[in-house]
Amino acid sequence: MIIFHAPPNITCYILLNLYVQSDYSDVYYESLEHMHSVHPYALEILAFPFDHPSISIEECRDAIEASEKKKGRKIHVMEPIEINGPKTHPVFKYLKNLFDLEEMDPNFAHVFFVTPDGNKFELHYGATYNALKQFVDHHVSGDFAEIGEPGNFAEL
């Protein structure tokens, strides 16, 4: 079970994996920052970057790593992780097991909404910014009710 030590006003956590890209990583982080600024006291965002197996970022790795370590962010950009294979990050091992996923497709983000008590989880695949914002608005204003496609929701 994932247990978060959250302030009492936090409504949900968003955990997402996103592959590292030279041109778009900073823009994506900025869009997540904006989303957090709309609900700063009810939402925590944890972004887990990973290296896409077929995209080379060697020529811009320093710039990407500097972006990931940028001070003053309101979201939490974690250290780069593995999402598949024997070195899969423990959080993603747990989430993959919870949703019965053998592998995570590296071609798009997996967005997990998690209640602070760690009892409800919701999974969305490759959500656009607008779709993600709708999910956030729903969960922050609601009570993390069951929504989405069957099989995308888990409760412990």
Protein backbone atom coordinates (compact mmCIF):
# COMPACT_ATOMS: atom_id res chain seq x y z
CA MET A 1 0.00 0.00 0.00
CA ILE A 2 1.14 3.52 -0.73
CA ILE A 3 0.83 5.81 2.28
CA PHE A 4 1.19 9.55 1.94
CA HIS A 5 1.68 11.92 4.84
CA ALA A 6 -0.45 14.75 3.56
CA PRO A 7 -1.71 17.96 5.07
CA PRO A 8 -5.44 17.61 5.87
CA ASN A 9 -6.55 19.77 2.94
CA ILE A 10 -4.90 17.67 0.18
CA THR A 11 -7.65 16.05 -1.90
CA CYS A 12 -5.58 13.97 -4.28
CA TYR A 13 -2.15 13.17 -5.55
CA ILE A 14 -1.26 12.80 -9.19
CA LEU A 15 1.59 10.44 -10.00
CA LEU A 16 2.61 10.36 -13.61
CA ASN A 17 5.41 9.03 -15.69
CA LEU A 18 6.57 10.96 -18.71
CA TYR A 19 9.35 10.23 -21.10
CA VAL A 20 12.10 12.75 -21.36
CA GLN A 21 12.19 14.81 -24.57
CA SER A 22 14.53 17.57 -25.56
CA ASP A 23 11.89 19.94 -26.89
CA TYR A 24 8.90 19.39 -24.64
CA SER A 25 9.91 18.40 -21.10
CA ASP A 26 10.12 21.95 -19.76
CA VAL A 27 6.83 22.94 -21.42
CA TYR A 28 5.13 19.91 -19.88
CA TYR A 29 6.50 20.70 -16.43
CA GLU A 30 5.27 24.29 -16.79
CA SER A 31 1.77 23.07 -17.70
CA LEU A 32 1.77 20.87 -14.59
CA GLU A 33 2.94 23.88 -12.56
CA HIS A 34 -0.01 25.86 -13.91
CA MET A 35 -2.43 23.05 -13.04
CA HIS A 36 -1.06 22.97 -9.51
CA SER A 37 -1.42 26.77 -9.21
CA VAL A 38 -5.17 26.46 -9.82
CA HIS A 39 -5.54 24.12 -6.80
CA PRO A 40 -2.40 24.78 -4.73
CA TYR A 41 -3.78 23.55 -1.40
CA ALA A 42 -5.66 20.49 -2.61
CA LEU A 43 -3.32 18.90 -5.10
CA GLU A 44 0.17 17.43 -5.15
CA ILE A 45 1.81 16.39 -8.41
CA LEU A 46 4.72 13.95 -8.59
CA ALA A 47 6.29 13.63 -12.04
CA PHE A 48 8.57 10.65 -12.69
CA PRO A 49 10.67 11.16 -15.85
CA PHE A 50 12.09 8.17 -17.68
CA ASP A 51 14.24 7.65 -20.76
CA HIS A 52 12.22 6.49 -23.77
CA PRO A 53 13.90 3.42 -25.27
CA SER A 54 13.89 4.78 -28.84
CA ILE A 55 14.59 8.49 -28.29
CA SER A 56 18.17 9.68 -27.85
CA ILE A 57 18.56 12.73 -25.65
CA GLU A 58 22.34 12.63 -25.26
CA GLU A 59 22.91 15.97 -27.00
CA CYS A 60 20.48 17.79 -24.69
CA ARG A 61 20.69 15.66 -21.52
CA ASP A 62 22.35 18.48 -19.50
CA ALA A 63 19.56 20.94 -20.34
CA ILE A 64 16.87 18.38 -19.50
CA GLU A 65 18.48 17.48 -16.18
CA ALA A 66 18.81 21.18 -15.30
CA SER A 67 15.10 21.62 -16.06
CA GLU A 68 14.20 18.64 -13.86
CA LYS A 69 16.24 20.07 -10.97
CA LYS A 70 14.93 23.62 -11.35
CA LYS A 71 14.49 25.26 -7.95
CA GLY A 72 11.20 26.75 -6.82
CA ARG A 73 8.89 24.28 -8.55
CA LYS A 74 5.50 23.68 -6.97
CA ILE A 75 5.34 20.19 -8.44
CA HIS A 76 7.73 17.43 -7.48
CA VAL A 77 9.95 16.25 -10.33
CA MET A 78 11.49 13.03 -9.13
CA GLU A 79 14.76 11.43 -10.21
CA PRO A 80 14.56 9.58 -13.55
CA ILE A 81 13.23 6.05 -13.10
CA GLU A 82 12.71 2.76 -14.90
CA ILE A 83 9.05 1.93 -15.61
CA ASN A 84 9.61 -1.61 -16.92
CA GLY A 85 12.02 -4.45 -16.34
CA PRO A 86 13.91 -5.59 -13.25
CA LYS A 87 14.83 -2.05 -12.15
CA THR A 88 11.23 -0.74 -12.17
CA HIS A 89 10.72 1.90 -9.49
CA PRO A 90 8.89 0.39 -6.45
CA VAL A 91 5.97 2.84 -6.71
CA PHE A 92 5.38 1.83 -10.31
CA LYS A 93 5.78 -1.87 -9.48
CA TYR A 94 3.00 -1.42 -6.95
CA LEU A 95 0.77 0.54 -9.35
CA LYS A 96 1.36 -1.90 -12.21
CA ASN A 97 0.42 -4.77 -9.93
CA LEU A 98 -2.68 -2.94 -8.70
CA PHE A 99 -3.93 -2.42 -12.26
CA ASP A 100 -2.66 -5.78 -13.55
CA LEU A 101 -0.21 -4.21 -16.00
CA GLU A 102 2.73 -6.34 -17.13
CA GLU A 103 4.43 -3.48 -18.93
CA MET A 104 3.81 0.24 -19.20
CA ASP A 105 3.76 1.54 -22.76
CA PRO A 106 6.61 4.08 -22.95
CA ASN A 107 4.90 5.98 -25.77
CA PHE A 108 2.55 7.89 -23.51
CA ALA A 109 2.10 9.01 -19.92
CA HIS A 110 0.28 6.95 -17.33
CA VAL A 111 -1.52 9.28 -14.94
CA PHE A 112 -2.52 7.90 -11.54
CA PHE A 113 -4.85 9.79 -9.23
CA VAL A 114 -4.40 8.66 -5.63
CA THR A 115 -6.30 9.67 -2.50
CA PRO A 116 -4.10 10.81 0.40
CA ASP A 117 -5.00 7.74 2.46
CA GLY A 118 -3.85 5.52 -0.42
CA ASN A 119 -7.17 3.66 -0.63
CA LYS A 120 -8.43 4.78 -4.05
CA PHE A 121 -6.52 4.87 -7.30
CA GLU A 122 -7.54 5.86 -10.79
CA LEU A 123 -5.53 5.36 -13.99
CA HIS A 124 -5.70 7.42 -17.18
CA TYR A 125 -3.56 6.67 -20.23
CA GLY A 126 -1.94 9.46 -22.21
CA ALA A 127 -4.32 12.17 -21.05
CA THR A 128 -3.99 15.54 -22.76
CA TYR A 129 -3.59 18.68 -20.68
CA ASN A 130 -7.31 19.54 -21.09
CA ALA A 131 -8.44 16.03 -20.15
CA LEU A 132 -6.07 15.97 -17.19
CA LYS A 133 -7.36 19.36 -16.04
CA GLN A 134 -10.95 18.06 -16.18
CA PHE A 135 -10.00 15.05 -14.03
CA VAL A 136 -8.20 17.32 -11.57
CA ASP A 137 -11.14 19.73 -11.34
CA HIS A 138 -13.50 16.80 -10.79
CA HIS A 139 -11.43 15.24 -8.04
CA VAL A 140 -10.60 18.45 -6.26
CA SER A 141 -14.22 19.60 -6.26
CA GLY A 142 -15.69 16.14 -5.65
CA ASP A 143 -14.97 13.30 -3.35
CA PHE A 144 -12.86 11.17 -5.69
CA ALA A 145 -15.94 9.32 -6.89
CA GLU A 146 -15.68 6.43 -9.30
CA ILE A 147 -15.44 7.74 -12.85
CA GLY A 148 -13.83 6.57 -16.03
CA GLU A 149 -13.78 3.33 -17.90
CA PRO A 150 -14.34 0.02 -16.11
CA GLY A 151 -11.05 -1.46 -15.05
CA ASN A 152 -9.34 1.93 -14.68
CA PHE A 153 -10.33 2.29 -11.04
CA ALA A 154 -9.03 0.35 -8.05
CA GLU A 155 -10.03 0.54 -4.44
CA LEU A 156 -8.28 -1.20 -1.57
